[in-house]
Amino acid sequence: MTTEQKLGLIAVFQDGYSRVEGLVAGIGSEELRFVPPLLDAWSTNDFLVHFLDADISLAFRVRTAIAEPGNAVPVWEEQAWRDALRYDDEDGLACLALAKGIRGYVSTGLRSAVDADWSKFCIMHQSKGRLELDALLEMYDHHIAFHLPLIKRNRQAWLKRGV
C-alpha cells in the first residue's frame, strides 16, 4: 500500500462520522431515545453510544497493532454492553462527539506511521484472525455504513409514529 493510499484511507476513516452527524443534526432528546416497534431495535441514542464504545475498542486495537504487532485483542459483545451500561441513560450526541475525537486521535497516530510497512502492524482477533491496519480501518468504516440505514429507519419511524 502506498503512502498516498494510506493517507486516503486515513482521511476516509477520520471523516466517517460526518455521515452520522448529518443524520442526527437537530434531533431532540425524545427522538434520539425513540425505539421503533421492531424486534431487537435500538434507539438512535443507543447507536451513538455504541459508536463510542466501538471506537474506544478500535483505538486500543490500532495502537496494539503498532506497538505490539500480532497480539491478541479482547472481543466484546455489543448487546451485553448496551444492556449492562444502560446506553439509554447516556448522552448519545456527546458520545458521538467523543467518538469523532477518538478517530482524530487515532488518525494522527496513523499519519505518524504512514511511511512504515503496515503489513507488519496487525492484531489477532478471536473470530476474524489476523487483521492488519488497513483491514481494521475498513472494518470500522463499514461499521458506520452498517448502522446508517438503521438510524435512517428510526428517523422515518419517528416521523410516521402517528403523534
N, C-alpha and C. Protein backbone atom coordinates (compact mmCIF):
# COMPACT_ATOMS: atom_id res chain seq x y z
N MET A 1 0.85 -1.17 0.00
CA MET A 1 0.00 0.00 0.00
C MET A 1 0.90 1.24 0.00
N THR A 2 0.64 2.17 -0.89
CA THR A 2 1.46 3.38 -0.99
C THR A 2 1.11 4.36 0.12
N THR A 3 1.99 5.32 0.31
CA THR A 3 1.75 6.37 1.30
C THR A 3 0.47 7.12 0.96
N GLU A 4 0.27 7.42 -0.32
CA GLU A 4 -0.94 8.14 -0.73
C GLU A 4 -2.20 7.33 -0.43
N GLN A 5 -2.15 6.02 -0.68
CA GLN A 5 -3.29 5.16 -0.39
C GLN A 5 -3.58 5.13 1.11
N LYS A 6 -2.53 5.05 1.91
CA LYS A 6 -2.71 5.06 3.37
C LYS A 6 -3.33 6.37 3.83
N LEU A 7 -2.82 7.48 3.30
CA LEU A 7 -3.37 8.78 3.68
C LEU A 7 -4.83 8.91 3.27
N GLY A 8 -5.18 8.37 2.10
CA GLY A 8 -6.57 8.39 1.67
C GLY A 8 -7.46 7.55 2.58
N LEU A 9 -6.98 6.39 2.96
CA LEU A 9 -7.72 5.52 3.87
C LEU A 9 -7.92 6.19 5.22
N ILE A 10 -6.87 6.85 5.71
CA ILE A 10 -6.96 7.55 6.99
C ILE A 10 -7.98 8.69 6.90
N ALA A 11 -7.96 9.43 5.80
CA ALA A 11 -8.89 10.56 5.63
C ALA A 11 -10.34 10.08 5.62
N VAL A 12 -10.61 9.00 4.90
CA VAL A 12 -11.97 8.45 4.86
C VAL A 12 -12.38 7.98 6.25
N PHE A 13 -11.48 7.29 6.92
CA PHE A 13 -11.75 6.81 8.28
C PHE A 13 -12.04 7.98 9.22
N GLN A 14 -11.20 8.99 9.20
CA GLN A 14 -11.36 10.12 10.11
C GLN A 14 -12.67 10.85 9.87
N ASP A 15 -13.11 10.92 8.65
CA ASP A 15 -14.33 11.66 8.30
C ASP A 15 -15.60 10.81 8.42
N GLY A 16 -15.47 9.58 8.86
CA GLY A 16 -16.60 8.65 8.87
C GLY A 16 -17.85 9.14 9.55
N TYR A 17 -17.70 9.87 10.63
CA TYR A 17 -18.88 10.29 11.39
C TYR A 17 -19.60 11.49 10.79
N SER A 18 -19.06 12.10 9.75
CA SER A 18 -19.78 13.21 9.12
C SER A 18 -21.12 12.72 8.57
N ARG A 19 -21.16 11.48 8.12
CA ARG A 19 -22.42 10.92 7.60
C ARG A 19 -23.45 10.79 8.72
N VAL A 20 -23.00 10.42 9.89
CA VAL A 20 -23.90 10.27 11.04
C VAL A 20 -24.34 11.65 11.52
N GLU A 21 -23.40 12.57 11.61
CA GLU A 21 -23.73 13.92 12.09
C GLU A 21 -24.83 14.55 11.24
N GLY A 22 -24.78 14.33 9.93
CA GLY A 22 -25.81 14.87 9.06
C GLY A 22 -27.18 14.28 9.36
N LEU A 23 -27.21 13.02 9.74
CA LEU A 23 -28.49 12.37 10.04
C LEU A 23 -29.09 12.80 11.38
N VAL A 24 -28.23 13.11 12.35
CA VAL A 24 -28.75 13.40 13.69
C VAL A 24 -28.81 14.89 14.00
N ALA A 25 -28.41 15.71 13.06
CA ALA A 25 -28.46 17.16 13.29
C ALA A 25 -29.88 17.59 13.62
N GLY A 26 -30.02 18.29 14.70
CA GLY A 26 -31.32 18.83 15.08
C GLY A 26 -32.27 17.86 15.76
N ILE A 27 -31.84 16.63 16.00
CA ILE A 27 -32.71 15.66 16.67
C ILE A 27 -32.83 16.01 18.15
N GLY A 28 -34.06 16.00 18.64
CA GLY A 28 -34.31 16.24 20.05
C GLY A 28 -34.13 14.97 20.87
N SER A 29 -34.11 15.14 22.17
CA SER A 29 -33.89 14.03 23.10
C SER A 29 -34.93 12.92 22.95
N GLU A 30 -36.17 13.31 22.75
CA GLU A 30 -37.24 12.32 22.63
C GLU A 30 -37.05 11.44 21.40
N GLU A 31 -36.72 12.08 20.29
CA GLU A 31 -36.50 11.30 19.07
C GLU A 31 -35.24 10.45 19.19
N LEU A 32 -34.19 10.98 19.81
CA LEU A 32 -32.97 10.20 20.00
C LEU A 32 -33.24 8.90 20.74
N ARG A 33 -34.12 8.95 21.72
CA ARG A 33 -34.39 7.79 22.57
C ARG A 33 -35.55 6.91 22.07
N PHE A 34 -36.17 7.34 21.00
CA PHE A 34 -37.28 6.57 20.42
C PHE A 34 -36.76 5.23 19.88
N VAL A 35 -37.46 4.16 20.26
CA VAL A 35 -37.14 2.83 19.76
C VAL A 35 -38.31 2.39 18.88
N PRO A 36 -38.06 2.14 17.60
CA PRO A 36 -39.15 1.72 16.73
C PRO A 36 -39.72 0.38 17.20
N PRO A 37 -41.00 0.16 16.96
CA PRO A 37 -41.64 -1.07 17.42
C PRO A 37 -41.25 -2.28 16.55
N LEU A 38 -39.98 -2.63 16.61
CA LEU A 38 -39.44 -3.75 15.86
C LEU A 38 -38.64 -4.63 16.81
N LEU A 39 -38.62 -5.90 16.55
CA LEU A 39 -37.88 -6.84 17.39
C LEU A 39 -36.40 -6.45 17.44
N ASP A 40 -35.85 -6.37 18.63
CA ASP A 40 -34.43 -6.10 18.87
C ASP A 40 -33.95 -4.74 18.35
N ALA A 41 -34.86 -3.80 18.15
CA ALA A 41 -34.47 -2.48 17.66
C ALA A 41 -33.75 -1.69 18.75
N TRP A 42 -32.83 -0.85 18.31
CA TRP A 42 -32.12 0.07 19.19
C TRP A 42 -32.57 1.49 18.86
N SER A 43 -32.46 2.38 19.81
CA SER A 43 -32.70 3.79 19.55
C SER A 43 -31.50 4.39 18.83
N THR A 44 -31.70 5.54 18.25
CA THR A 44 -30.57 6.26 17.64
C THR A 44 -29.55 6.60 18.72
N ASN A 45 -30.02 6.97 19.90
CA ASN A 45 -29.10 7.25 21.01
C ASN A 45 -28.23 6.03 21.31
N ASP A 46 -28.83 4.84 21.32
CA ASP A 46 -28.07 3.61 21.56
C ASP A 46 -26.96 3.45 20.52
N PHE A 47 -27.28 3.72 19.26
CA PHE A 47 -26.27 3.60 18.21
C PHE A 47 -25.11 4.57 18.44
N LEU A 48 -25.43 5.79 18.86
CA LEU A 48 -24.39 6.80 19.07
C LEU A 48 -23.46 6.41 20.22
N VAL A 49 -24.03 5.88 21.29
CA VAL A 49 -23.21 5.41 22.41
C VAL A 49 -22.39 4.21 21.96
N HIS A 50 -23.00 3.33 21.19
CA HIS A 50 -22.30 2.16 20.66
C HIS A 50 -21.10 2.56 19.80
N PHE A 51 -21.25 3.61 19.00
CA PHE A 51 -20.12 4.08 18.19
C PHE A 51 -18.93 4.44 19.08
N LEU A 52 -19.20 5.09 20.21
CA LEU A 52 -18.11 5.46 21.11
C LEU A 52 -17.43 4.21 21.65
N ASP A 53 -18.19 3.25 22.13
CA ASP A 53 -17.57 2.01 22.64
C ASP A 53 -16.77 1.31 21.55
N ALA A 54 -17.31 1.27 20.35
CA ALA A 54 -16.61 0.63 19.23
C ALA A 54 -15.29 1.34 18.93
N ASP A 55 -15.31 2.67 18.96
CA ASP A 55 -14.09 3.40 18.63
C ASP A 55 -13.08 3.39 19.76
N ILE A 56 -13.53 3.24 21.00
CA ILE A 56 -12.58 3.02 22.09
C ILE A 56 -11.86 1.69 21.85
N SER A 57 -12.62 0.68 21.47
CA SER A 57 -12.04 -0.62 21.15
C SER A 57 -11.08 -0.50 19.96
N LEU A 58 -11.50 0.23 18.95
CA LEU A 58 -10.67 0.43 17.77
C LEU A 58 -9.35 1.10 18.12
N ALA A 59 -9.40 2.14 18.94
CA ALA A 59 -8.17 2.85 19.31
C ALA A 59 -7.20 1.88 19.97
N PHE A 60 -7.69 1.05 20.87
CA PHE A 60 -6.84 0.06 21.52
C PHE A 60 -6.27 -0.92 20.49
N ARG A 61 -7.09 -1.35 19.56
CA ARG A 61 -6.65 -2.32 18.56
C ARG A 61 -5.59 -1.73 17.63
N VAL A 62 -5.80 -0.52 17.15
CA VAL A 62 -4.83 0.12 16.26
C VAL A 62 -3.52 0.34 16.99
N ARG A 63 -3.59 0.84 18.20
CA ARG A 63 -2.36 1.11 18.96
C ARG A 63 -1.65 -0.19 19.31
N THR A 64 -2.40 -1.25 19.58
CA THR A 64 -1.79 -2.56 19.82
C THR A 64 -1.10 -3.06 18.57
N ALA A 65 -1.75 -2.91 17.43
CA ALA A 65 -1.17 -3.38 16.16
C ALA A 65 0.18 -2.72 15.90
N ILE A 66 0.31 -1.46 16.24
CA ILE A 66 1.55 -0.74 16.00
C ILE A 66 2.59 -1.04 17.09
N ALA A 67 2.17 -1.00 18.35
CA ALA A 67 3.11 -1.14 19.46
C ALA A 67 3.49 -2.59 19.75
N GLU A 68 2.52 -3.50 19.59
CA GLU A 68 2.75 -4.91 19.91
C GLU A 68 2.14 -5.79 18.81
N PRO A 69 2.69 -5.70 17.60
CA PRO A 69 2.11 -6.42 16.46
C PRO A 69 1.90 -7.91 16.76
N GLY A 70 0.75 -8.38 16.34
CA GLY A 70 0.44 -9.80 16.45
C GLY A 70 -0.23 -10.21 17.75
N ASN A 71 -0.38 -9.27 18.68
CA ASN A 71 -1.02 -9.61 19.95
C ASN A 71 -2.52 -9.83 19.77
N ALA A 72 -3.05 -10.68 20.61
CA ALA A 72 -4.50 -10.91 20.63
C ALA A 72 -5.17 -9.72 21.31
N VAL A 73 -6.36 -9.41 20.85
CA VAL A 73 -7.13 -8.32 21.45
C VAL A 73 -8.46 -8.89 21.96
N PRO A 74 -9.01 -8.28 23.00
CA PRO A 74 -10.29 -8.76 23.52
C PRO A 74 -11.43 -8.46 22.55
N VAL A 75 -12.41 -9.29 22.57
CA VAL A 75 -13.64 -9.04 21.82
C VAL A 75 -14.71 -8.62 22.83
N TRP A 76 -15.75 -8.02 22.33
CA TRP A 76 -16.82 -7.59 23.22
C TRP A 76 -18.16 -7.86 22.57
N GLU A 77 -19.15 -8.11 23.39
CA GLU A 77 -20.49 -8.44 22.91
C GLU A 77 -21.35 -7.18 23.05
N GLU A 78 -21.67 -6.58 21.95
CA GLU A 78 -22.31 -5.26 21.94
C GLU A 78 -23.65 -5.22 22.67
N GLN A 79 -24.45 -6.26 22.56
CA GLN A 79 -25.74 -6.25 23.26
C GLN A 79 -25.54 -6.24 24.77
N ALA A 80 -24.57 -7.00 25.26
CA ALA A 80 -24.29 -7.03 26.70
C ALA A 80 -23.83 -5.64 27.18
N TRP A 81 -23.01 -4.98 26.37
CA TRP A 81 -22.55 -3.65 26.74
C TRP A 81 -23.74 -2.67 26.77
N ARG A 82 -24.59 -2.75 25.76
CA ARG A 82 -25.76 -1.86 25.70
C ARG A 82 -26.63 -2.04 26.93
N ASP A 83 -26.89 -3.28 27.28
CA ASP A 83 -27.78 -3.56 28.40
C ASP A 83 -27.15 -3.22 29.75
N ALA A 84 -25.92 -3.69 29.97
CA ALA A 84 -25.28 -3.51 31.28
C ALA A 84 -24.87 -2.06 31.53
N LEU A 85 -24.51 -1.36 30.48
CA LEU A 85 -24.04 0.02 30.63
C LEU A 85 -25.15 1.04 30.42
N ARG A 86 -26.37 0.57 30.26
CA ARG A 86 -27.55 1.43 30.17
C ARG A 86 -27.36 2.58 29.18
N TYR A 87 -27.18 2.21 27.93
CA TYR A 87 -26.99 3.20 26.88
C TYR A 87 -28.10 4.25 26.88
N ASP A 88 -29.30 3.86 27.27
CA ASP A 88 -30.42 4.80 27.25
C ASP A 88 -30.24 5.94 28.25
N ASP A 89 -29.34 5.78 29.22
CA ASP A 89 -29.06 6.85 30.18
C ASP A 89 -27.93 7.78 29.72
N GLU A 90 -27.28 7.44 28.63
CA GLU A 90 -26.13 8.21 28.15
C GLU A 90 -26.58 9.33 27.20
N ASP A 91 -25.72 10.31 27.04
CA ASP A 91 -25.95 11.40 26.09
C ASP A 91 -25.32 10.99 24.76
N GLY A 92 -26.14 10.49 23.85
CA GLY A 92 -25.65 9.98 22.58
C GLY A 92 -24.91 11.00 21.75
N LEU A 93 -25.37 12.23 21.74
CA LEU A 93 -24.70 13.26 20.95
C LEU A 93 -23.31 13.57 21.51
N ALA A 94 -23.19 13.58 22.83
CA ALA A 94 -21.87 13.77 23.45
C ALA A 94 -20.97 12.58 23.13
N CYS A 95 -21.54 11.38 23.12
CA CYS A 95 -20.76 10.19 22.78
C CYS A 95 -20.28 10.24 21.34
N LEU A 96 -21.13 10.72 20.44
CA LEU A 96 -20.73 10.86 19.04
C LEU A 96 -19.55 11.83 18.91
N ALA A 97 -19.61 12.94 19.63
CA ALA A 97 -18.51 13.91 19.60
C ALA A 97 -17.22 13.28 20.12
N LEU A 98 -17.32 12.49 21.17
CA LEU A 98 -16.13 11.81 21.70
C LEU A 98 -15.59 10.78 20.70
N ALA A 99 -16.49 10.03 20.07
CA ALA A 99 -16.07 9.04 19.08
C ALA A 99 -15.34 9.73 17.93
N LYS A 100 -15.87 10.87 17.50
CA LYS A 100 -15.22 11.63 16.43
C LYS A 100 -13.83 12.08 16.88
N GLY A 101 -13.71 12.50 18.13
CA GLY A 101 -12.42 12.90 18.68
C GLY A 101 -11.43 11.75 18.73
N ILE A 102 -11.92 10.57 19.09
CA ILE A 102 -11.06 9.38 19.12
C ILE A 102 -10.56 9.08 17.71
N ARG A 103 -11.44 9.21 16.73
CA ARG A 103 -10.99 8.98 15.35
C ARG A 103 -9.92 9.97 14.93
N GLY A 104 -10.03 11.21 15.38
CA GLY A 104 -9.00 12.19 15.09
C GLY A 104 -7.68 11.79 15.75
N TYR A 105 -7.76 11.34 16.98
CA TYR A 105 -6.57 10.90 17.72
C TYR A 105 -5.91 9.71 17.04
N VAL A 106 -6.71 8.72 16.69
CA VAL A 106 -6.19 7.53 16.01
C VAL A 106 -5.58 7.92 14.66
N SER A 107 -6.24 8.80 13.94
CA SER A 107 -5.75 9.23 12.63
C SER A 107 -4.41 9.94 12.73
N THR A 108 -4.24 10.75 13.75
CA THR A 108 -2.95 11.42 13.95
C THR A 108 -1.85 10.38 14.17
N GLY A 109 -2.12 9.39 15.00
CA GLY A 109 -1.15 8.32 15.23
C GLY A 109 -0.84 7.54 13.97
N LEU A 110 -1.85 7.28 13.17
CA LEU A 110 -1.64 6.55 11.92
C LEU A 110 -0.80 7.36 10.94
N ARG A 111 -1.03 8.66 10.89
CA ARG A 111 -0.24 9.50 9.99
C ARG A 111 1.24 9.49 10.38
N SER A 112 1.52 9.34 11.67
CA SER A 112 2.92 9.30 12.09
C SER A 112 3.59 7.98 11.68
N ALA A 113 2.77 6.98 11.35
CA ALA A 113 3.31 5.68 10.92
C ALA A 113 3.07 5.43 9.44
N VAL A 114 2.73 6.46 8.69
CA VAL A 114 2.32 6.29 7.29
C VAL A 114 3.46 5.78 6.40
N ASP A 115 4.70 6.06 6.77
CA ASP A 115 5.82 5.60 5.94
C ASP A 115 6.29 4.20 6.31
N ALA A 116 5.74 3.63 7.36
CA ALA A 116 6.12 2.28 7.79
C ALA A 116 5.42 1.23 6.93
N ASP A 117 5.90 0.00 7.03
CA ASP A 117 5.28 -1.13 6.34
C ASP A 117 4.09 -1.60 7.18
N TRP A 118 2.88 -1.22 6.76
CA TRP A 118 1.68 -1.53 7.53
C TRP A 118 1.38 -3.02 7.57
N SER A 119 1.93 -3.79 6.68
CA SER A 119 1.65 -5.24 6.72
C SER A 119 2.24 -5.88 7.97
N LYS A 120 3.16 -5.20 8.61
CA LYS A 120 3.73 -5.71 9.87
C LYS A 120 2.87 -5.36 11.07
N PHE A 121 1.99 -4.39 10.92
CA PHE A 121 1.14 -3.93 12.02
C PHE A 121 -0.19 -4.70 11.98
N CYS A 122 -0.38 -5.58 12.93
CA CYS A 122 -1.59 -6.40 12.93
C CYS A 122 -1.97 -6.78 14.35
N ILE A 123 -3.19 -7.25 14.47
CA ILE A 123 -3.68 -7.83 15.72
C ILE A 123 -4.22 -9.22 15.39
N MET A 124 -4.43 -9.99 16.43
CA MET A 124 -5.10 -11.28 16.28
C MET A 124 -6.46 -11.17 16.94
N HIS A 125 -7.48 -11.32 16.12
CA HIS A 125 -8.86 -11.24 16.59
C HIS A 125 -9.38 -12.66 16.78
N GLN A 126 -10.10 -12.87 17.86
CA GLN A 126 -10.57 -14.21 18.22
C GLN A 126 -11.36 -14.90 17.11
N SER A 127 -12.22 -14.16 16.42
CA SER A 127 -13.03 -14.80 15.38
C SER A 127 -12.61 -14.42 13.96
N LYS A 128 -11.94 -13.29 13.78
CA LYS A 128 -11.57 -12.83 12.44
C LYS A 128 -10.12 -13.15 12.08
N GLY A 129 -9.34 -13.61 13.06
CA GLY A 129 -7.95 -13.94 12.79
C GLY A 129 -7.07 -12.70 12.70
N ARG A 130 -6.05 -12.78 11.86
CA ARG A 130 -5.09 -11.68 11.70
C ARG A 130 -5.75 -10.51 10.96
N LEU A 131 -5.65 -9.34 11.56
CA LEU A 131 -6.18 -8.12 10.94
C LEU A 131 -5.07 -7.08 10.90
N GLU A 132 -4.76 -6.61 9.70
CA GLU A 132 -3.78 -5.54 9.54
C GLU A 132 -4.47 -4.19 9.63
N LEU A 133 -3.67 -3.13 9.73
CA LEU A 133 -4.23 -1.79 9.92
C LEU A 133 -5.26 -1.41 8.87
N ASP A 134 -4.96 -1.65 7.60
CA ASP A 134 -5.91 -1.25 6.57
C ASP A 134 -7.24 -1.99 6.74
N ALA A 135 -7.18 -3.26 7.12
CA ALA A 135 -8.41 -4.03 7.33
C ALA A 135 -9.19 -3.49 8.53
N LEU A 136 -8.49 -3.09 9.57
CA LEU A 136 -9.16 -2.51 10.74
C LEU A 136 -9.89 -1.23 10.37
N LEU A 137 -9.22 -0.35 9.64
CA LEU A 137 -9.85 0.91 9.26
C LEU A 137 -11.05 0.69 8.37
N GLU A 138 -10.93 -0.22 7.42
CA GLU A 138 -12.06 -0.52 6.54
C GLU A 138 -13.21 -1.15 7.32
N MET A 139 -12.88 -2.03 8.25
CA MET A 139 -13.91 -2.70 9.05
C MET A 139 -14.72 -1.66 9.85
N TYR A 140 -14.02 -0.68 10.43
CA TYR A 140 -14.72 0.32 11.23
C TYR A 140 -15.43 1.35 10.37
N ASP A 141 -14.99 1.56 9.16
CA ASP A 141 -15.74 2.40 8.23
C ASP A 141 -17.03 1.68 7.83
N HIS A 142 -16.94 0.39 7.58
CA HIS A 142 -18.13 -0.41 7.25
C HIS A 142 -19.08 -0.48 8.44
N HIS A 143 -18.53 -0.41 9.64
CA HIS A 143 -19.37 -0.44 10.84
C HIS A 143 -20.34 0.73 10.83
N ILE A 144 -19.84 1.91 10.50
CA ILE A 144 -20.73 3.07 10.41
C ILE A 144 -21.74 2.87 9.29
N ALA A 145 -21.26 2.42 8.14
CA ALA A 145 -22.16 2.21 7.00
C ALA A 145 -23.25 1.20 7.33
N PHE A 146 -22.95 0.21 8.14
CA PHE A 146 -23.95 -0.78 8.54
C PHE A 146 -25.07 -0.13 9.36
N HIS A 147 -24.71 0.80 10.25
CA HIS A 147 -25.69 1.40 11.15
C HIS A 147 -26.46 2.57 10.53
N LEU A 148 -25.94 3.18 9.49
CA LEU A 148 -26.62 4.33 8.88
C LEU A 148 -28.06 4.03 8.47
N PRO A 149 -28.33 2.92 7.77
CA PRO A 149 -29.72 2.64 7.40
C PRO A 149 -30.63 2.43 8.62
N LEU A 150 -30.06 1.95 9.70
CA LEU A 150 -30.86 1.73 10.92
C LEU A 150 -31.22 3.06 11.56
N ILE A 151 -30.29 4.00 11.53
CA ILE A 151 -30.59 5.34 12.04
C ILE A 151 -31.63 6.01 11.14
N LYS A 152 -31.49 5.86 9.83
CA LYS A 152 -32.49 6.41 8.89
C LYS A 152 -33.85 5.78 9.14
N ARG A 153 -33.87 4.47 9.37
CA ARG A 153 -35.12 3.78 9.67
C ARG A 153 -35.77 4.37 10.92
N ASN A 154 -34.97 4.63 11.95
CA ASN A 154 -35.50 5.20 13.18
C ASN A 154 -36.10 6.58 12.94
N ARG A 155 -35.41 7.38 12.13
CA ARG A 155 -35.92 8.72 11.84
C ARG A 155 -37.26 8.63 11.11
N GLN A 156 -37.36 7.72 10.14
CA GLN A 156 -38.61 7.56 9.39
C GLN A 156 -39.72 7.05 10.31
N ALA A 157 -39.41 6.10 11.18
CA ALA A 157 -40.40 5.56 12.10
C ALA A 157 -40.87 6.64 13.07
N TRP A 158 -39.97 7.52 13.47
CA TRP A 158 -40.34 8.62 14.37
C TRP A 158 -41.35 9.55 13.68
N LEU A 159 -41.09 9.85 12.42
CA LEU A 159 -41.98 10.75 11.69
C LEU A 159 -43.34 10.11 11.42
N LYS A 160 -43.38 8.79 11.30
CA LYS A 160 -44.63 8.08 10.98
C LYS A 160 -45.36 7.55 12.21
N ARG A 161 -44.90 7.86 13.40
CA ARG A 161 -45.44 7.24 14.61
C ARG A 161 -46.88 7.64 14.92
N GLY A 162 -47.42 8.62 14.22
CA GLY A 162 -48.82 8.96 14.38
C GLY A 162 -49.13 9.88 15.54
N VAL A 163 -48.15 10.62 15.99
CA VAL A 163 -48.39 11.56 17.10
C VAL A 163 -48.62 12.93 16.55
